[in-house]
Protein backbone atom coordinates (compact mmCIF):
# COMPACT_ATOMS: atom_id res chain seq x y z
CA MET A 1 -0.02 -0.42 0.03
CA TYR A 2 1.09 3.25 -1.20
CA TYR A 3 0.47 6.93 1.11
CA THR A 4 1.94 9.72 1.08
CA ALA A 5 3.77 10.69 4.18
CA GLY A 6 1.89 13.42 6.45
CA TYR A 7 -1.64 13.06 4.39
CA PRO A 8 -4.49 13.95 5.11
CA SER A 9 -2.19 15.62 8.02
CA ILE A 10 0.63 15.79 9.41
CA ASN A 11 0.57 13.43 11.96
CA ASP A 12 -1.61 10.67 9.72
CA THR A 13 1.63 9.40 8.94
CA VAL A 14 2.21 6.80 12.27
CA ILE A 15 -1.45 5.87 12.69
CA ILE A 16 -1.66 4.71 8.91
CA ALA A 17 1.00 2.94 9.17
CA GLN A 18 -0.24 0.48 12.40
CA ALA A 19 -3.35 0.91 10.84
CA LEU A 20 -2.07 -0.86 7.85
CA GLN A 21 0.08 -3.72 9.75
CA LYS A 22 -3.04 -4.82 11.69
CA ALA A 23 -5.03 -4.85 8.61
CA GLY A 24 -2.66 -7.09 7.23
CA VAL A 25 -0.55 -5.15 4.08
CA ASP A 26 3.02 -6.57 3.45
CA LEU A 27 4.44 -3.71 2.00
CA ILE A 28 4.32 -0.41 3.83
CA GLU A 29 5.26 2.26 0.75
CA ILE A 30 5.41 5.85 2.18
CA GLY A 31 5.79 8.71 -0.31
CA ILE A 32 8.38 12.06 0.49
CA PRO A 33 6.25 14.72 -0.38
CA PHE A 34 7.88 16.96 -3.58
CA SER A 35 6.74 19.22 -5.52
CA ASP A 36 6.66 18.01 -8.47
CA PRO A 37 6.07 14.62 -8.18
CA VAL A 38 6.55 13.94 -12.26
CA ALA A 39 5.95 10.08 -12.18
CA ASP A 40 2.21 10.67 -9.93
CA GLY A 41 -1.39 11.75 -11.24
CA PRO A 42 -3.36 14.14 -9.44
CA THR A 43 -4.74 12.45 -6.87
CA ILE A 44 -1.01 11.35 -5.38
CA GLN A 45 0.44 15.25 -6.59
CA ALA A 46 -2.69 16.57 -4.75
CA SER A 47 -2.05 15.38 -1.41
CA ASN A 48 1.97 16.17 -1.73
CA LYS A 49 0.76 19.57 -2.16
CA VAL A 50 -1.71 18.92 0.76
CA ALA A 51 1.56 17.47 2.78
CA LEU A 52 4.14 20.22 1.81
CA ASP A 53 1.52 23.31 2.85
CA GLY A 54 0.96 21.24 6.14
CA GLY A 55 4.53 20.82 7.08
CA MET A 56 5.55 17.81 6.09
CA THR A 57 9.61 17.57 5.76
CA LEU A 58 11.88 14.77 5.07
CA HIS A 59 13.84 15.41 8.17
CA LEU A 60 10.16 15.65 9.89
CA LEU A 61 9.30 11.66 7.69
CA LEU A 62 12.30 10.23 9.21
CA GLU A 63 11.59 11.09 12.78
CA GLN A 64 8.06 10.10 12.03
CA ILE A 65 9.86 6.43 10.76
CA LYS A 66 11.35 6.20 14.29
CA GLU A 67 8.22 6.54 16.01
CA ILE A 68 6.78 3.71 13.62
CA ARG A 69 9.18 1.43 13.74
CA LYS A 70 8.53 1.28 17.95
CA THR A 71 5.39 -1.04 16.16
CA VAL A 72 5.14 -1.80 13.09
CA THR A 73 7.28 -4.17 11.49
CA LEU A 74 6.56 -4.85 7.91
CA PRO A 75 8.75 -3.98 5.55
CA ILE A 76 8.61 -0.03 4.60
CA ILE A 77 9.71 1.62 1.31
CA LEU A 78 10.57 4.80 0.35
CA MET A 79 9.24 6.68 -2.68
CA GLY A 80 10.52 9.59 -4.09
CA TYR A 81 12.36 12.55 -6.10
CA LEU A 82 16.36 12.84 -6.36
CA ASN A 83 15.82 16.68 -5.33
CA PRO A 84 15.22 16.36 -1.90
CA VAL A 85 17.50 13.34 -1.19
CA ILE A 86 19.89 15.27 -3.23
CA GLN A 87 19.64 18.21 -0.90
CA TYR A 88 19.99 15.88 2.05
CA GLY A 89 23.02 14.19 0.93
CA VAL A 90 22.74 11.16 -0.61
CA GLU A 91 25.14 8.76 1.37
CA LYS A 92 23.47 10.58 4.72
CA PHE A 93 20.21 9.78 3.15
CA ALA A 94 20.93 6.03 2.76
CA ARG A 95 22.71 5.79 6.03
CA ASP A 96 19.99 7.25 8.05
CA ILE A 97 17.21 5.57 6.84
CA SER A 98 18.66 2.73 6.47
CA ALA A 99 19.47 3.00 10.69
CA LEU A 100 16.02 3.36 11.12
CA GLY A 101 15.01 0.13 9.43
CA VAL A 102 13.73 1.52 6.36
CA ASP A 103 14.48 -1.74 3.43
CA GLY A 104 14.36 0.59 0.09
CA VAL A 105 13.81 3.16 -2.07
CA ILE A 106 12.25 4.17 -5.18
CA LEU A 107 13.65 6.87 -6.88
CA PRO A 108 11.58 7.44 -9.91
CA ASP A 109 14.05 10.10 -11.98
CA LEU A 110 17.57 7.94 -10.83
CA PRO A 111 19.02 7.42 -14.01
CA LEU A 112 20.32 3.24 -13.93
CA HIS A 113 23.81 3.89 -14.34
CA GLU A 114 24.32 6.41 -12.03
CA PHE A 115 22.77 4.23 -9.64
CA GLU A 116 25.58 1.84 -10.41
CA GLU A 117 28.19 3.78 -10.79
CA GLN A 118 27.58 6.07 -7.67
CA TYR A 119 24.99 4.32 -5.47
CA LYS A 120 24.85 0.40 -6.05
CA GLU A 121 27.67 -0.86 -3.31
CA LEU A 122 26.36 1.70 -0.55
CA PHE A 123 22.59 1.08 -0.97
CA GLY A 124 23.92 -2.75 -0.69
CA SER A 125 26.18 -2.52 1.99
CA LEU A 126 23.69 -0.60 4.00
CA ASN A 127 21.03 -3.57 2.58
CA LEU A 128 18.77 -1.20 1.08
CA CYS A 129 16.69 -2.76 -1.46
CA ASN A 130 16.53 0.28 -4.89
CA THR A 131 13.92 -0.30 -7.31
CA PHE A 132 13.36 0.40 -10.75
CA LEU A 133 10.49 1.09 -12.47
CA ILE A 134 9.41 -0.56 -15.99
CA SER A 135 6.44 -0.39 -17.82
CA PRO A 136 4.57 -2.17 -21.27
CA THR A 137 6.97 -0.03 -23.35
CA THR A 138 10.72 -0.95 -21.59
CA SER A 139 12.34 -3.54 -23.87
CA GLU A 140 13.35 -7.49 -23.02
CA ALA A 141 16.39 -6.09 -23.04
CA ARG A 142 16.19 -2.81 -20.59
CA ILE A 143 14.43 -5.14 -18.23
CA ARG A 144 17.02 -7.64 -18.07
CA GLN A 145 19.65 -4.94 -17.44
CA ILE A 146 17.17 -3.87 -14.11
CA ASP A 147 17.20 -7.32 -13.09
CA ASP A 148 20.26 -7.50 -12.74
CA ALA A 149 20.84 -4.40 -11.02
CA THR A 150 17.84 -4.82 -8.51
CA GLU A 151 18.27 -6.78 -5.26
CA GLY A 152 14.84 -7.26 -4.10
CA PHE A 153 11.73 -6.52 -6.31
CA ILE A 154 10.70 -4.74 -9.99
CA TYR A 155 8.47 -2.17 -10.25
CA ALA A 156 5.99 -3.11 -13.14
CA VAL A 157 4.18 -0.06 -13.39
CA SER A 158 0.92 -0.87 -15.63
CA ALA A 159 0.49 1.61 -17.96
CA SER A 160 2.60 3.84 -19.87
CA SER A 161 1.40 6.73 -17.80
CA ILE A 162 0.90 8.51 -14.57
CA THR A 163 -0.23 6.92 -11.06
CA GLY A 164 -3.64 7.03 -10.61
CA ALA A 165 -7.16 4.48 -10.20
CA LYS A 166 -8.74 2.54 -12.90
CA GLY A 167 -11.32 0.59 -13.65
CA GLU A 168 -10.57 -3.15 -15.40
CA PHE A 169 -7.06 -3.98 -17.09
CA SER A 170 -6.40 -4.02 -21.80
CA ALA A 171 -6.20 -6.53 -22.93
CA GLU A 172 -2.99 -5.14 -23.84
CA GLN A 173 -1.93 -5.05 -19.83
CA MET A 174 -2.62 -8.56 -19.36
CA ALA A 175 -0.58 -9.70 -21.88
CA TYR A 176 2.13 -7.38 -20.91
CA PHE A 177 1.47 -9.23 -17.49
CA GLU A 178 2.31 -12.74 -19.13
CA ARG A 179 5.37 -11.46 -20.88
CA LEU A 180 6.58 -10.35 -17.86
CA GLN A 181 6.15 -14.04 -15.92
CA LYS A 182 7.66 -15.58 -18.78
CA MET A 183 10.94 -14.20 -18.48
CA ASN A 184 11.94 -15.88 -15.69
CA LEU A 185 13.32 -12.88 -14.12
CA LYS A 186 15.41 -13.21 -10.80
CA ASN A 187 13.59 -10.70 -9.02
CA PRO A 188 10.09 -10.68 -8.27
CA PHE A 189 7.86 -7.73 -9.92
CA LEU A 190 5.04 -6.22 -8.49
CA ILE A 191 2.24 -4.46 -10.69
CA GLY A 192 1.57 -0.81 -9.31
CA PHE A 193 -0.69 1.72 -10.72
CA GLY A 194 -4.66 1.15 -11.51
CA ILE A 195 -5.00 -1.02 -9.01
CA SER A 196 -8.30 0.27 -7.76
CA ASN A 197 -10.70 -2.31 -6.17
CA GLN A 198 -11.00 -6.54 -5.79
CA SER A 199 -11.24 -6.70 -9.72
CA THR A 200 -7.46 -5.45 -10.67
CA PHE A 201 -6.00 -6.25 -7.09
CA ASN A 202 -6.77 -9.73 -7.63
CA LYS A 203 -5.54 -10.05 -11.64
CA ALA A 204 -2.66 -8.41 -10.60
CA ALA A 205 -1.74 -10.38 -7.53
CA GLN A 206 -2.59 -14.03 -10.10
CA HIS A 207 -0.06 -12.26 -12.34
CA SER A 208 3.19 -11.58 -10.59
CA ALA A 209 4.00 -11.52 -6.51
CA GLY A 210 2.01 -8.66 -6.03
CA ALA A 211 0.07 -5.68 -6.38
CA ILE A 212 0.49 -1.84 -5.01
CA VAL A 213 -2.18 0.27 -4.13
CA GLY A 214 -1.89 4.62 -4.14
CA SER A 215 -4.42 6.89 -5.66
CA ALA A 216 -7.35 4.44 -4.58
CA PHE A 217 -6.21 4.26 -0.94
CA ILE A 218 -5.25 8.29 -0.97
CA ASN A 219 -9.07 8.73 -2.54
CA LEU A 220 -10.07 6.55 0.70
CA LEU A 221 -8.20 8.55 3.45
CA SER A 222 -9.45 12.26 1.70
CA GLU A 223 -12.49 11.00 2.93
CA SER A 224 -12.01 9.47 5.97
CA LYS A 225 -13.28 10.17 9.14
CA ASP A 226 -12.16 7.54 11.00
CA ILE A 227 -8.22 6.33 9.54
CA PRO A 228 -8.03 2.86 11.12
CA ALA A 229 -11.84 1.46 11.05
CA ASP A 230 -12.04 3.03 6.99
CA ILE A 231 -8.19 1.48 5.93
CA GLU A 232 -8.99 -2.08 7.80
CA LYS A 233 -12.69 -2.14 5.93
CA PHE A 234 -10.69 -1.28 2.51
CA VAL A 235 -8.04 -4.06 2.87
CA LYS A 236 -10.84 -6.37 3.34
CA SER A 237 -12.30 -5.10 0.70
CA LEU A 238 -9.10 -5.83 -2.21
CA LYS A 239 -8.53 -9.76 -0.53
């Protein structure tokens, strides 16, 4: 499950993580708010703005993760963009999040060659998984190159577009999932973008190691009057 740190309000980051663990999810992906989240659709972009306007920062997020780790044992992946990480200091960021118990990162605008040349050894020494995104237009050669550079999982974007809840998968998308299955990659792949209901969740899970829900979950949080209770209902509705 994906959610933006500091959304709907600045102190909800910990509450949401605790509720997700109680509801039985397998992994938490926490978004680092950024002013220009280019891979994200309008729902997640809007949540980034709300979080930033509410005072959310990367430093505060790390304090919240420290609190989360007191009760939450699920794998935690941080998703964000390079600019805030570079401002923080990439090596310091990697060391600090590893010390807090973060399991990996997703940095969509980090080039593969730059990761391999500058950061792969560092991340490996800290047991941090760096996850790359692939899409239906990614060539087999590129997918295998990413698979070779990955220690963890690959994020298979369901469509060549920004994030956002959709209705159902097309025949072309289903063929893409089946093609990935047949490649016998060394790393598992998770499917994200467009997972919004039980049908899309189940279809994604049947063709991969799991599914990541983002925009549909953000929509739930935006309307919630009782976050823990609504999260439990939402997670149950997907399975």
